Amino acid sequence: MGDQVYPLQSKEASQKRHDLAPEPDEAFREFSKRVFAEGALPAKVKQLIAVAVAHVTQCPYCIRGHTQGALRHGASEQEIMEAIWVAAEMRAGGAFAHSVIAIAAMGEPPTR
């Protein structure tokens, strides 16, 4: 990547996060392992879902990490891009769906 807007992840930052709050850090790591483990959904599908969600939440660390996680679990570049398009549609769909609020307000007298 070119100029960094966000600091790169580092072992030092991970260690500092752990040192500042070891119990929550360990609990989060265990939770993450369990969530992304094989289950009713294959790990690849879970990683593709995470790629989509990461684009909606706009977390650059999650985008990078889960894109690489999806690749490690056998996702193709095309599958990853389709997941991103699903995220884009869902994000746009929220604005579209909420337009009924504006439509309802259009039928009301203006307030001051």
Protein backbone atom coordinates (compact mmCIF):
# COMPACT_ATOMS: atom_id res chain seq x y z
CA MET A 1 0.00 0.00 0.00
CA GLY A 2 1.05 3.58 -0.53
CA ASP A 3 0.75 6.21 2.20
CA GLN A 4 -0.66 4.71 5.37
CA VAL A 5 -3.70 6.38 6.87
CA TYR A 6 -3.83 3.79 9.64
CA PRO A 7 -0.81 2.38 11.44
CA LEU A 8 0.21 -1.07 10.29
CA GLN A 9 -0.53 -3.93 12.68
CA SER A 10 2.56 -4.95 14.58
CA LYS A 11 3.63 -7.46 17.20
CA GLU A 12 4.46 -4.53 19.46
CA ALA A 13 0.95 -3.07 19.19
CA SER A 14 -0.60 -6.50 19.81
CA GLN A 15 1.60 -7.00 22.84
CA LYS A 16 0.76 -3.54 24.22
CA ARG A 17 -2.97 -4.22 23.78
CA HIS A 18 -2.51 -7.52 25.62
CA ASP A 19 -0.39 -5.96 28.39
CA LEU A 20 -2.97 -3.23 29.00
CA ALA A 21 -5.91 -5.65 29.31
CA PRO A 22 -4.79 -9.30 29.18
CA GLU A 23 -8.05 -10.98 30.20
CA PRO A 24 -10.29 -9.26 27.65
CA ASP A 25 -7.61 -9.74 25.00
CA GLU A 26 -7.42 -13.48 25.67
CA ALA A 27 -11.21 -13.78 25.80
CA PHE A 28 -11.56 -11.96 22.48
CA ARG A 29 -8.94 -14.15 20.82
CA GLU A 30 -10.68 -17.32 22.06
CA PHE A 31 -14.07 -15.99 20.95
CA SER A 32 -12.65 -15.20 17.50
CA LYS A 33 -11.14 -18.70 17.17
CA ARG A 34 -14.47 -20.30 18.03
CA VAL A 35 -16.50 -18.05 15.75
CA PHE A 36 -14.29 -18.74 12.72
CA ALA A 37 -13.87 -22.48 13.35
CA GLU A 38 -15.50 -25.02 11.06
CA GLY A 39 -19.11 -25.54 12.08
CA ALA A 40 -22.50 -25.45 10.43
CA LEU A 41 -20.84 -22.97 8.07
CA PRO A 42 -17.47 -23.83 6.56
CA ALA A 43 -14.56 -21.57 7.61
CA LYS A 44 -14.32 -20.26 4.03
CA VAL A 45 -17.93 -19.05 4.12
CA LYS A 46 -17.38 -17.44 7.51
CA GLN A 47 -14.36 -15.58 6.15
CA LEU A 48 -16.35 -14.40 3.12
CA ILE A 49 -19.07 -13.12 5.44
CA ALA A 50 -16.38 -11.34 7.46
CA VAL A 51 -14.97 -9.74 4.29
CA ALA A 52 -18.43 -8.39 3.46
CA VAL A 53 -19.08 -7.14 7.00
CA ALA A 54 -15.61 -5.56 7.15
CA HIS A 55 -16.45 -3.51 4.07
CA VAL A 56 -19.72 -2.33 5.64
CA THR A 57 -18.00 -1.42 8.93
CA GLN A 58 -15.10 0.00 6.90
CA CYS A 59 -12.41 -1.51 9.11
CA PRO A 60 -9.20 -1.59 7.06
CA TYR A 61 -7.58 -4.11 9.41
CA CYS A 62 -10.58 -6.45 9.12
CA ILE A 63 -10.71 -6.06 5.35
CA ARG A 64 -7.07 -7.06 5.00
CA GLY A 65 -7.12 -9.82 7.62
CA HIS A 66 -10.33 -11.49 6.51
CA THR A 67 -9.49 -11.18 2.81
CA GLN A 68 -6.29 -13.06 3.55
CA GLY A 69 -8.22 -15.46 5.80
CA ALA A 70 -10.67 -16.17 2.98
CA LEU A 71 -7.79 -16.85 0.59
CA ARG A 72 -6.16 -19.19 3.14
CA HIS A 73 -9.44 -21.12 3.37
CA GLY A 74 -9.66 -21.55 -0.40
CA ALA A 75 -11.82 -18.62 -1.49
CA SER A 76 -11.19 -17.37 -4.98
CA GLU A 77 -10.64 -13.71 -5.81
CA GLN A 78 -13.98 -13.80 -7.62
CA GLU A 79 -15.76 -15.11 -4.49
CA ILE A 80 -14.18 -12.36 -2.42
CA MET A 81 -15.26 -9.69 -4.89
CA GLU A 82 -18.81 -11.07 -4.98
CA ALA A 83 -18.92 -10.90 -1.18
CA ILE A 84 -17.85 -7.24 -1.42
CA TRP A 85 -20.62 -6.58 -3.94
CA VAL A 86 -23.15 -8.17 -1.57
CA ALA A 87 -21.91 -5.79 1.13
CA ALA A 88 -22.23 -2.82 -1.22
CA GLU A 89 -25.80 -3.77 -2.12
CA MET A 90 -26.76 -4.23 1.52
CA ARG A 91 -25.22 -0.89 2.50
CA ALA A 92 -27.04 0.87 -0.34
CA GLY A 93 -30.17 -1.11 0.50
CA GLY A 94 -30.27 0.49 3.94
CA ALA A 95 -30.52 3.96 2.41
CA PHE A 96 -33.12 2.74 -0.07
CA ALA A 97 -35.23 1.07 2.64
CA HIS A 98 -35.07 4.09 4.94
CA SER A 99 -36.35 6.35 2.15
CA VAL A 100 -39.86 5.51 3.39
CA ILE A 101 -39.14 7.82 6.35
CA ALA A 102 -38.48 10.72 3.96
CA ILE A 103 -41.54 9.78 1.89
CA ALA A 104 -43.69 9.81 5.03
CA ALA A 105 -42.22 13.18 6.06
CA MET A 106 -43.07 14.59 2.62
CA GLY A 107 -46.73 14.00 3.43
CA GLU A 108 -46.52 15.96 6.67
CA PRO A 109 -46.73 19.73 7.02
CA PRO A 110 -43.29 21.36 7.39
CA THR A 111 -42.26 22.19 10.95
CA ARG A 112 -40.19 25.08 12.12
